[in-house]
Structure formats: C-alpha cells, structure tokens
Amino acid sequence: MPGSSPLRLLLFVRANAARSVDAIHSVRKACDADLTREKSLHVVDVFREPELAMKYRVIATPTLLGLDGKSELRLVGDVSEGRLRDYFAREAYGA
C-alpha cells in the first residue's frame, strides 16, 4: 500500500530452539515474498529481552505480532507458510 507506514513485526522466539529457528526462516521468507506493504522485523529472544515478552503478554513461542499503530495481529505457535500468507492477507485488508 503506497503511502502507508511499515508494518512493525515482532517475532518472539526462544534462543536457538528448533521451532524458533524455523519460525525466523519462515517469517523472513514470507516478508520477502509479500509485497503488499513494507515491513520491519525485529526478532526477540524472550530470554534476552523478557521485558518485551511481558509488555506484549507473550506466553508461548514462537509468537508473531504485527503492529501498525491502530491494531495488533497475533500469530502464536504455527508460523507455517500458509498461516503467514493468511496473516499478511488479513493485515493488508484490515480483517
């Protein structure tokens, strides 16, 4: 969407856990493939930045938050390609 601000993505993970490594790869790949809106991704290790996990009430990893100043989209657990595609489609169309 031209003129819209970047979608701020926070991906909460647990250090180098296998699911976390897979989630990081999947989210980066999905961000590169989805051109509907510019995105900024910050990977948050909940052991290194527990205050962010507490602030956003993250209780499970991986958790992906999409913040745009007006709303918040949350995806917990399964960050597979299909779920990410649906996630970005909801964000793009305000669903």
PDB file of N, CA and C in Angstrom:
ATOM      1  N   MET A   1       0.838  -1.180   0.000  1.00  0.00           N
ATOM      2  CA  MET A   1       0.000   0.000   0.000  1.00  0.00           C
ATOM      3  C   MET A   1       0.881   1.241   0.000  1.00  0.00           C
ATOM      4  N   PRO A   2       0.945   1.938  -1.082  1.00  0.00           N
ATOM      5  CA  PRO A   2       1.772   3.124  -1.131  1.00  0.00           C
ATOM      6  C   PRO A   2       1.313   4.155  -0.108  1.00  0.00           C
ATOM      7  N   GLY A   3       2.265   4.781   0.545  1.00  0.00           N
ATOM      8  CA  GLY A   3       1.955   5.831   1.497  1.00  0.00           C
ATOM      9  C   GLY A   3       1.663   5.351   2.900  1.00  0.00           C
ATOM     10  N   SER A   4       1.454   4.047   3.085  1.00  0.00           N
ATOM     11  CA  SER A   4       1.188   3.575   4.437  1.00  0.00           C
ATOM     12  C   SER A   4       2.509   3.300   5.148  1.00  0.00           C
ATOM     13  N   SER A   5       2.469   3.420   6.458  1.00  0.00           N
ATOM     14  CA  SER A   5       3.678   3.214   7.235  1.00  0.00           C
ATOM     15  C   SER A   5       4.024   1.731   7.275  1.00  0.00           C
ATOM     16  N   PRO A   6       5.298   1.408   7.493  1.00  0.00           N
ATOM     17  CA  PRO A   6       5.691  -0.006   7.547  1.00  0.00           C
ATOM     18  C   PRO A   6       4.985  -0.736   8.679  1.00  0.00           C
ATOM     19  N   LEU A   7       4.697  -1.988   8.444  1.00  0.00           N
ATOM     20  CA  LEU A   7       4.145  -2.845   9.470  1.00  0.00           C
ATOM     21  C   LEU A   7       5.300  -3.288  10.350  1.00  0.00           C
ATOM     22  N   ARG A   8       5.199  -3.045  11.634  1.00  0.00           N
ATOM     23  CA  ARG A   8       6.244  -3.438  12.590  1.00  0.00           C
ATOM     24  C   ARG A   8       5.944  -4.847  13.068  1.00  0.00           C
ATOM     25  N   LEU A   9       6.865  -5.759  12.794  1.00  0.00           N
ATOM     26  CA  LEU A   9       6.703  -7.150  13.190  1.00  0.00           C
ATOM     27  C   LEU A   9       7.669  -7.479  14.314  1.00  0.00           C
ATOM     28  N   LEU A  10       7.146  -8.103  15.350  1.00  0.00           N
ATOM     29  CA  LEU A  10       7.966  -8.610  16.448  1.00  0.00           C
ATOM     30  C   LEU A  10       7.783 -10.120  16.475  1.00  0.00           C
ATOM     31  N   LEU A  11       8.879 -10.849  16.322  1.00  0.00           N
ATOM     32  CA  LEU A  11       8.833 -12.307  16.371  1.00  0.00           C
ATOM     33  C   LEU A  11       9.510 -12.752  17.651  1.00  0.00           C
ATOM     34  N   PHE A  12       8.726 -13.285  18.570  1.00  0.00           N
ATOM     35  CA  PHE A  12       9.235 -13.738  19.862  1.00  0.00           C
ATOM     36  C   PHE A  12       9.620 -15.209  19.751  1.00  0.00           C
ATOM     37  N   VAL A  13      10.877 -15.494  20.100  1.00  0.00           N
ATOM     38  CA  VAL A  13      11.418 -16.848  19.996  1.00  0.00           C
ATOM     39  C   VAL A  13      12.176 -17.211  21.263  1.00  0.00           C
ATOM     40  N   ARG A  14      12.530 -18.499  21.370  1.00  0.00           N
ATOM     41  CA  ARG A  14      13.355 -18.989  22.476  1.00  0.00           C
ATOM     42  C   ARG A  14      14.727 -19.348  21.939  1.00  0.00           C
ATOM     43  N   ALA A  15      15.671 -18.466  22.105  1.00  0.00           N
ATOM     44  CA  ALA A  15      17.072 -18.691  21.731  1.00  0.00           C
ATOM     45  C   ALA A  15      17.182 -19.454  20.420  1.00  0.00           C
ATOM     46  N   ASN A  16      17.898 -20.567  20.446  1.00  0.00           N
ATOM     47  CA  ASN A  16      18.140 -21.337  19.230  1.00  0.00           C
ATOM     48  C   ASN A  16      17.307 -22.609  19.158  1.00  0.00           C
ATOM     49  N   ALA A  17      16.143 -22.621  19.786  1.00  0.00           N
ATOM     50  CA  ALA A  17      15.264 -23.782  19.716  1.00  0.00           C
ATOM     51  C   ALA A  17      14.892 -24.044  18.259  1.00  0.00           C
ATOM     52  N   ALA A  18      14.754 -25.314  17.896  1.00  0.00           N
ATOM     53  CA  ALA A  18      14.490 -25.685  16.503  1.00  0.00           C
ATOM     54  C   ALA A  18      13.246 -24.980  15.950  1.00  0.00           C
ATOM     55  N   ARG A  19      12.156 -24.934  16.712  1.00  0.00           N
ATOM     56  CA  ARG A  19      10.936 -24.247  16.236  1.00  0.00           C
ATOM     57  C   ARG A  19      11.191 -22.766  16.028  1.00  0.00           C
ATOM     58  N   SER A  20      12.029 -22.188  16.871  1.00  0.00           N
ATOM     59  CA  SER A  20      12.332 -20.763  16.745  1.00  0.00           C
ATOM     60  C   SER A  20      13.151 -20.488  15.485  1.00  0.00           C
ATOM     61  N   VAL A  21      14.136 -21.327  15.224  1.00  0.00           N
ATOM     62  CA  VAL A  21      14.960 -21.166  14.018  1.00  0.00           C
ATOM     63  C   VAL A  21      14.081 -21.309  12.774  1.00  0.00           C
ATOM     64  N   ASP A  22      13.195 -22.315  12.773  1.00  0.00           N
ATOM     65  CA  ASP A  22      12.272 -22.493  11.652  1.00  0.00           C
ATOM     66  C   ASP A  22      11.349 -21.285  11.493  1.00  0.00           C
ATOM     67  N   ALA A  23      10.865 -20.751  12.609  1.00  0.00           N
ATOM     68  CA  ALA A  23       9.964 -19.589  12.559  1.00  0.00           C
ATOM     69  C   ALA A  23      10.667 -18.369  11.978  1.00  0.00           C
ATOM     70  N   ILE A  24      11.895 -18.132  12.394  1.00  0.00           N
ATOM     71  CA  ILE A  24      12.658 -16.985  11.869  1.00  0.00           C
ATOM     72  C   ILE A  24      12.800 -17.110  10.359  1.00  0.00           C
ATOM     73  N   HIS A  25      13.170 -18.297   9.901  1.00  0.00           N
ATOM     74  CA  HIS A  25      13.334 -18.527   8.461  1.00  0.00           C
ATOM     75  C   HIS A  25      12.008 -18.304   7.723  1.00  0.00           C
ATOM     76  N   SER A  26      10.923 -18.878   8.247  1.00  0.00           N
ATOM     77  CA  SER A  26       9.612 -18.764   7.599  1.00  0.00           C
ATOM     78  C   SER A  26       9.135 -17.321   7.522  1.00  0.00           C
ATOM     79  N   VAL A  27       9.293 -16.578   8.607  1.00  0.00           N
ATOM     80  CA  VAL A  27       8.824 -15.189   8.633  1.00  0.00           C
ATOM     81  C   VAL A  27       9.648 -14.323   7.682  1.00  0.00           C
ATOM     82  N   ARG A  28      10.952 -14.496   7.683  1.00  0.00           N
ATOM     83  CA  ARG A  28      11.788 -13.714   6.757  1.00  0.00           C
ATOM     84  C   ARG A  28      11.419 -14.011   5.307  1.00  0.00           C
ATOM     85  N   LYS A  29      11.221 -15.276   4.998  1.00  0.00           N
ATOM     86  CA  LYS A  29      10.839 -15.677   3.637  1.00  0.00           C
ATOM     87  C   LYS A  29       9.484 -15.072   3.263  1.00  0.00           C
ATOM     88  N   ALA A  30       8.521 -15.133   4.180  1.00  0.00           N
ATOM     89  CA  ALA A  30       7.189 -14.585   3.911  1.00  0.00           C
ATOM     90  C   ALA A  30       7.235 -13.072   3.739  1.00  0.00           C
ATOM     91  N   CYS A  31       8.052 -12.398   4.531  1.00  0.00           N
ATOM     92  CA  CYS A  31       8.184 -10.936   4.399  1.00  0.00           C
ATOM     93  C   CYS A  31       8.750 -10.565   3.039  1.00  0.00           C
ATOM     94  N   ASP A  32       9.733 -11.333   2.589  1.00  0.00           N
ATOM     95  CA  ASP A  32      10.334 -11.069   1.278  1.00  0.00           C
ATOM     96  C   ASP A  32       9.340 -11.315   0.147  1.00  0.00           C
ATOM     97  N   ALA A  33       8.472 -12.310   0.321  1.00  0.00           N
ATOM     98  CA  ALA A  33       7.522 -12.676  -0.729  1.00  0.00           C
ATOM     99  C   ALA A  33       6.294 -11.769  -0.766  1.00  0.00           C
ATOM    100  N   ASP A  34       5.903 -11.219   0.361  1.00  0.00           N
ATOM    101  CA  ASP A  34       4.687 -10.406   0.441  1.00  0.00           C
ATOM    102  C   ASP A  34       5.039  -8.939   0.201  1.00  0.00           C
ATOM    103  N   LEU A  35       4.564  -8.410  -0.907  1.00  0.00           N
ATOM    104  CA  LEU A  35       4.904  -7.034  -1.273  1.00  0.00           C
ATOM    105  C   LEU A  35       3.755  -6.054  -1.055  1.00  0.00           C
ATOM    106  N   THR A  36       2.729  -6.464  -0.315  1.00  0.00           N
ATOM    107  CA  THR A  36       1.572  -5.587  -0.122  1.00  0.00           C
ATOM    108  C   THR A  36       1.900  -4.378   0.743  1.00  0.00           C
ATOM    109  N   ARG A  37       2.922  -4.507   1.584  1.00  0.00           N
ATOM    110  CA  ARG A  37       3.268  -3.412   2.491  1.00  0.00           C
ATOM    111  C   ARG A  37       4.691  -3.607   2.993  1.00  0.00           C
ATOM    112  N   GLU A  38       5.383  -2.522   3.201  1.00  0.00           N
ATOM    113  CA  GLU A  38       6.725  -2.598   3.769  1.00  0.00           C
ATOM    114  C   GLU A  38       6.639  -3.107   5.207  1.00  0.00           C
ATOM    115  N   LYS A  39       7.622  -3.918   5.587  1.00  0.00           N
ATOM    116  CA  LYS A  39       7.627  -4.491   6.925  1.00  0.00           C
ATOM    117  C   LYS A  39       8.986  -4.319   7.573  1.00  0.00           C
ATOM    118  N   SER A  40       8.995  -4.125   8.878  1.00  0.00           N
ATOM    119  CA  SER A  40      10.243  -4.147   9.635  1.00  0.00           C
ATOM    120  C   SER A  40      10.121  -5.280  10.649  1.00  0.00           C
ATOM    121  N   LEU A  41      11.124  -6.160  10.674  1.00  0.00           N
ATOM    122  CA  LEU A  41      11.087  -7.341  11.533  1.00  0.00           C
ATOM    123  C   LEU A  41      12.143  -7.227  12.613  1.00  0.00           C
ATOM    124  N   HIS A  42      11.707  -7.432  13.852  1.00  0.00           N
ATOM    125  CA  HIS A  42      12.625  -7.491  14.992  1.00  0.00           C
ATOM    126  C   HIS A  42      12.416  -8.842  15.661  1.00  0.00           C
ATOM    127  N   VAL A  43      13.488  -9.649  15.706  1.00  0.00           N
ATOM    128  CA  VAL A  43      13.425 -10.949  16.364  1.00  0.00           C
ATOM    129  C   VAL A  43      13.789 -10.750  17.828  1.00  0.00           C
ATOM    130  N   VAL A  44      12.904 -11.204  18.708  1.00  0.00           N
ATOM    131  CA  VAL A  44      13.068 -11.012  20.146  1.00  0.00           C
ATOM    132  C   VAL A  44      13.292 -12.371  20.803  1.00  0.00           C
ATOM    133  N   ASP A  45      14.480 -12.561  21.380  1.00  0.00           N
ATOM    134  CA  ASP A  45      14.745 -13.758  22.183  1.00  0.00           C
ATOM    135  C   ASP A  45      14.172 -13.477  23.571  1.00  0.00           C
ATOM    136  N   VAL A  46      13.180 -14.261  23.972  1.00  0.00           N
ATOM    137  CA  VAL A  46      12.496 -13.988  25.238  1.00  0.00           C
ATOM    138  C   VAL A  46      13.412 -14.136  26.448  1.00  0.00           C
ATOM    139  N   PHE A  47      14.528 -14.852  26.308  1.00  0.00           N
ATOM    140  CA  PHE A  47      15.480 -14.982  27.411  1.00  0.00           C
ATOM    141  C   PHE A  47      16.365 -13.738  27.525  1.00  0.00           C
ATOM    142  N   ARG A  48      16.623 -13.082  26.400  1.00  0.00           N
ATOM    143  CA  ARG A  48      17.463 -11.868  26.413  1.00  0.00           C
ATOM    144  C   ARG A  48      16.660 -10.594  26.621  1.00  0.00           C
ATOM    145  N   GLU A  49      15.397 -10.604  26.218  1.00  0.00           N
ATOM    146  CA  GLU A  49      14.542  -9.419  26.340  1.00  0.00           C
ATOM    147  C   GLU A  49      13.199  -9.787  26.980  1.00  0.00           C
ATOM    148  N   PRO A  50      13.237 -10.312  28.212  1.00  0.00           N
ATOM    149  CA  PRO A  50      11.986 -10.739  28.847  1.00  0.00           C
ATOM    150  C   PRO A  50      11.011  -9.590  29.072  1.00  0.00           C
ATOM    151  N   GLU A  51      11.508  -8.377  29.188  1.00  0.00           N
ATOM    152  CA  GLU A  51      10.619  -7.232  29.401  1.00  0.00           C
ATOM    153  C   GLU A  51       9.700  -7.004  28.204  1.00  0.00           C
ATOM    154  N   LEU A  52      10.185  -7.262  26.995  1.00  0.00           N
ATOM    155  CA  LEU A  52       9.325  -7.126  25.816  1.00  0.00           C
ATOM    156  C   LEU A  52       8.260  -8.225  25.798  1.00  0.00           C
ATOM    157  N   ALA A  53       8.654  -9.424  26.171  1.00  0.00           N
ATOM    158  CA  ALA A  53       7.677 -10.513  26.237  1.00  0.00           C
ATOM    159  C   ALA A  53       6.586 -10.175  27.252  1.00  0.00           C
ATOM    160  N   MET A  54       6.967  -9.620  28.370  1.00  0.00           N
ATOM    161  CA  MET A  54       5.980  -9.231  29.387  1.00  0.00           C
ATOM    162  C   MET A  54       5.119  -8.080  28.881  1.00  0.00           C
ATOM    163  N   LYS A  55       5.718  -7.099  28.265  1.00  0.00           N
ATOM    164  CA  LYS A  55       4.975  -5.932  27.765  1.00  0.00           C
ATOM    165  C   LYS A  55       3.875  -6.346  26.785  1.00  0.00           C
ATOM    166  N   TYR A  56       4.196  -7.303  25.896  1.00  0.00           N
ATOM    167  CA  TYR A  56       3.239  -7.730  24.879  1.00  0.00           C
ATOM    168  C   TYR A  56       2.487  -9.006  25.262  1.00  0.00           C
ATOM    169  N   ARG A  57       2.628  -9.415  26.536  1.00  0.00           N
ATOM    170  CA  ARG A  57       1.918 -10.573  27.076  1.00  0.00           C
ATOM    171  C   ARG A  57       2.115 -11.832  26.242  1.00  0.00           C
ATOM    172  N   VAL A  58       3.363 -12.095  25.911  1.00  0.00           N
ATOM    173  CA  VAL A  58       3.714 -13.292  25.151  1.00  0.00           C
ATOM    174  C   VAL A  58       3.945 -14.425  26.140  1.00  0.00           C
ATOM    175  N   ILE A  59       3.193 -15.508  25.978  1.00  0.00           N
ATOM    176  CA  ILE A  59       3.329 -16.639  26.894  1.00  0.00           C
ATOM    177  C   ILE A  59       3.775 -17.911  26.189  1.00  0.00           C
ATOM    178  N   ALA A  60       3.870 -17.883  24.856  1.00  0.00           N
ATOM    179  CA  ALA A  60       4.308 -19.046  24.093  1.00  0.00           C
ATOM    180  C   ALA A  60       5.171 -18.569  22.934  1.00  0.00           C
ATOM    181  N   THR A  61       6.103 -19.430  22.544  1.00  0.00           N
ATOM    182  CA  THR A  61       6.943 -19.111  21.396  1.00  0.00           C
ATOM    183  C   THR A  61       6.823 -20.234  20.379  1.00  0.00           C
ATOM    184  N   PRO A  62       6.949 -19.910  19.113  1.00  0.00           N
ATOM    185  CA  PRO A  62       7.089 -18.565  18.577  1.00  0.00           C
ATOM    186  C   PRO A  62       5.753 -17.815  18.565  1.00  0.00           C
ATOM    187  N   THR A  63       5.834 -16.516  18.724  1.00  0.00           N
ATOM    188  CA  THR A  63       4.689 -15.618  18.598  1.00  0.00           C
ATOM    189  C   THR A  63       5.093 -14.482  17.678  1.00  0.00           C
ATOM    190  N   LEU A  64       4.265 -14.213  16.683  1.00  0.00           N
ATOM    191  CA  LEU A  64       4.497 -13.105  15.763  1.00  0.00           C
ATOM    192  C   LEU A  64       3.445 -12.044  16.018  1.00  0.00           C
ATOM    193  N   LEU A  65       3.900 -10.822  16.287  1.00  0.00           N
ATOM    194  CA  LEU A  65       2.996  -9.677  16.452  1.00  0.00           C
ATOM    195  C   LEU A  65       3.194  -8.722  15.293  1.00  0.00           C
ATOM    196  N   GLY A  66       2.112  -8.259  14.751  1.00  0.00           N
ATOM    197  CA  GLY A  66       2.142  -7.224  13.728  1.00  0.00           C
ATOM    198  C   GLY A  66       1.506  -5.976  14.305  1.00  0.00           C
ATOM    199  N   LEU A  67       2.266  -4.895  14.375  1.00  0.00           N
ATOM    200  CA  LEU A  67       1.785  -3.649  14.979  1.00  0.00           C
ATOM    201  C   LEU A  67       1.809  -2.549  13.930  1.00  0.00           C
ATOM    202  N   ASP A  68       0.693  -1.870  13.772  1.00  0.00           N
ATOM    203  CA  ASP A  68       0.663  -0.765  12.815  1.00  0.00           C
ATOM    204  C   ASP A  68       0.187   0.541  13.433  1.00  0.00           C
ATOM    205  N   GLY A  69       0.102   0.597  14.753  1.00  0.00           N
ATOM    206  CA  GLY A  69      -0.333   1.817  15.421  1.00  0.00           C
ATOM    207  C   GLY A  69      -1.830   1.864  15.657  1.00  0.00           C
ATOM    208  N   LYS A  70      -2.603   1.126  14.861  1.00  0.00           N
ATOM    209  CA  LYS A  70      -4.053   1.102  15.011  1.00  0.00           C
ATOM    210  C   LYS A  70      -4.539  -0.238  15.533  1.00  0.00           C
ATOM    211  N   SER A  71      -3.843  -1.291  15.154  1.00  0.00           N
ATOM    212  CA  SER A  71      -4.295  -2.622  15.536  1.00  0.00           C
ATOM    213  C   SER A  71      -3.098  -3.531  15.773  1.00  0.00           C
ATOM    214  N   GLU A  72      -3.400  -4.712  16.248  1.00  0.00           N
ATOM    215  CA  GLU A  72      -2.369  -5.708  16.519  1.00  0.00           C
ATOM    216  C   GLU A  72      -2.846  -7.047  15.989  1.00  0.00           C
ATOM    217  N   LEU A  73      -2.001  -7.689  15.210  1.00  0.00           N
ATOM    218  CA  LEU A  73      -2.274  -9.043  14.752  1.00  0.00           C
ATOM    219  C   LEU A  73      -1.328  -9.976  15.480  1.00  0.00           C
ATOM    220  N   ARG A  74      -1.833 -11.094  15.943  1.00  0.00           N
ATOM    221  CA  ARG A  74      -1.018 -12.026  16.728  1.00  0.00           C
ATOM    222  C   ARG A  74      -1.157 -13.416  16.124  1.00  0.00           C
ATOM    223  N   LEU A  75      -0.016 -14.055  15.902  1.00  0.00           N
ATOM    224  CA  LEU A  75       0.036 -15.422  15.403  1.00  0.00           C
ATOM    225  C   LEU A  75       0.905 -16.209  16.368  1.00  0.00           C
ATOM    226  N   VAL A  76       0.338 -17.245  16.977  1.00  0.00           N
ATOM    227  CA  VAL A  76       1.045 -17.996  18.015  1.00  0.00           C
ATOM    228  C   VAL A  76       1.238 -19.439  17.569  1.00  0.00           C
ATOM    229  N   GLY A  77       2.461 -19.933  17.776  1.00  0.00           N
ATOM    230  CA  GLY A  77       2.747 -21.340  17.525  1.00  0.00           C
ATOM    231  C   GLY A  77       3.140 -21.636  16.104  1.00  0.00           C
ATOM    232  N   ASP A  78       2.193 -22.048  15.294  1.00  0.00           N
ATOM    233  CA  ASP A  78       2.453 -22.463  13.920  1.00  0.00           C
ATOM    234  C   ASP A  78       2.650 -21.247  13.026  1.00  0.00           C
ATOM    235  N   VAL A  79       3.876 -21.045  12.573  1.00  0.00           N
ATOM    236  CA  VAL A  79       4.153 -19.940  11.646  1.00  0.00           C
ATOM    237  C   VAL A  79       4.547 -20.520  10.287  1.00  0.00           C
ATOM    238  N   SER A  80       3.741 -21.462   9.828  1.00  0.00           N
ATOM    239  CA  SER A  80       3.975 -22.088   8.528  1.00  0.00           C
ATOM    240  C   SER A  80       3.648 -21.107   7.409  1.00  0.00           C
ATOM    241  N   GLU A  81       4.070 -21.469   6.206  1.00  0.00           N
ATOM    242  CA  GLU A  81       3.887 -20.600   5.045  1.00  0.00           C
ATOM    243  C   GLU A  81       2.418 -20.234   4.828  1.00  0.00           C
ATOM    244  N   GLY A  82       1.533 -21.212   4.941  1.00  0.00           N
ATOM    245  CA  GLY A  82       0.105 -20.945   4.741  1.00  0.00           C
ATOM    246  C   GLY A  82      -0.468 -19.992   5.775  1.00  0.00           C
ATOM    247  N   ARG A  83      -0.128 -20.208   7.022  1.00  0.00           N
ATOM    248  CA  ARG A  83      -0.631 -19.315   8.081  1.00  0.00           C
ATOM    249  C   ARG A  83      -0.077 -17.910   7.923  1.00  0.00           C
ATOM    250  N   LEU A  84       1.187 -17.787   7.518  1.00  0.00           N
ATOM    251  CA  LEU A  84       1.760 -16.460   7.311  1.00  0.00           C
ATOM    252  C   LEU A  84       1.096 -15.746   6.141  1.00  0.00           C
ATOM    253  N   ARG A  85       0.798 -16.473   5.083  1.00  0.00           N
ATOM    254  CA  ARG A  85       0.113 -15.879   3.933  1.00  0.00           C
ATOM    255  C   ARG A  85      -1.251 -15.339   4.370  1.00  0.00           C
ATOM    256  N   ASP A  86      -1.987 -16.141   5.150  1.00  0.00           N
ATOM    257  CA  ASP A  86      -3.289 -15.691   5.671  1.00  0.00           C
ATOM    258  C   ASP A  86      -3.128 -14.494   6.599  1.00  0.00           C
ATOM    259  N   TYR A  87      -2.100 -14.537   7.423  1.00  0.00           N
ATOM    260  CA  TYR A  87      -1.804 -13.465   8.387  1.00  0.00           C
ATOM    261  C   TYR A  87      -1.588 -12.143   7.653  1.00  0.00           C
ATOM    262  N   PHE A  88      -0.744 -12.158   6.607  1.00  0.00           N
ATOM    263  CA  PHE A  88      -0.462 -10.929   5.883  1.00  0.00           C
ATOM    264  C   PHE A  88      -1.670 -10.479   5.062  1.00  0.00           C
ATOM    265  N   ALA A  89      -2.475 -11.416   4.583  1.00  0.00           N
ATOM    266  CA  ALA A  89      -3.683 -11.054   3.849  1.00  0.00           C
ATOM    267  C   ALA A  89      -4.661 -10.341   4.781  1.00  0.00           C
ATOM    268  N   ARG A  90      -4.841 -10.849   6.004  1.00  0.00           N
ATOM    269  CA  ARG A  90      -5.721 -10.175   6.980  1.00  0.00           C
ATOM    270  C   ARG A  90      -5.234  -8.764   7.261  1.00  0.00           C
ATOM    271  N   GLU A  91      -3.923  -8.611   7.422  1.00  0.00           N
ATOM    272  CA  GLU A  91      -3.354  -7.298   7.710  1.00  0.00           C
ATOM    273  C   GLU A  91      -3.573  -6.357   6.547  1.00  0.00           C
ATOM    274  N   ALA A  92      -3.348  -6.846   5.342  1.00  0.00           N
ATOM    275  CA  ALA A  92      -3.441  -5.989   4.162  1.00  0.00           C
ATOM    276  C   ALA A  92      -4.863  -5.487   3.919  1.00  0.00           C
ATOM    277  N   TYR A  93      -5.850  -6.295   4.298  1.00  0.00           N
ATOM    278  CA  TYR A  93      -7.227  -5.925   4.038  1.00  0.00           C
ATOM    279  C   TYR A  93      -7.992  -5.521   5.278  1.00  0.00           C
ATOM    280  N   GLY A  94      -7.259  -5.345   6.378  1.00  0.00           N
ATOM    281  CA  GLY A  94      -7.878  -4.858   7.603  1.00  0.00           C
ATOM    282  C   GLY A  94      -8.880  -5.804   8.222  1.00  0.00           C
ATOM    283  N   ALA A  95      -8.718  -7.087   7.958  1.00  0.00           N
ATOM    284  CA  ALA A  95      -9.653  -8.072   8.511  1.00  0.00           C
ATOM    285  C   ALA A  95      -9.261  -8.484   9.904  1.00  0.00           C
TER     286      ALA A  95
END
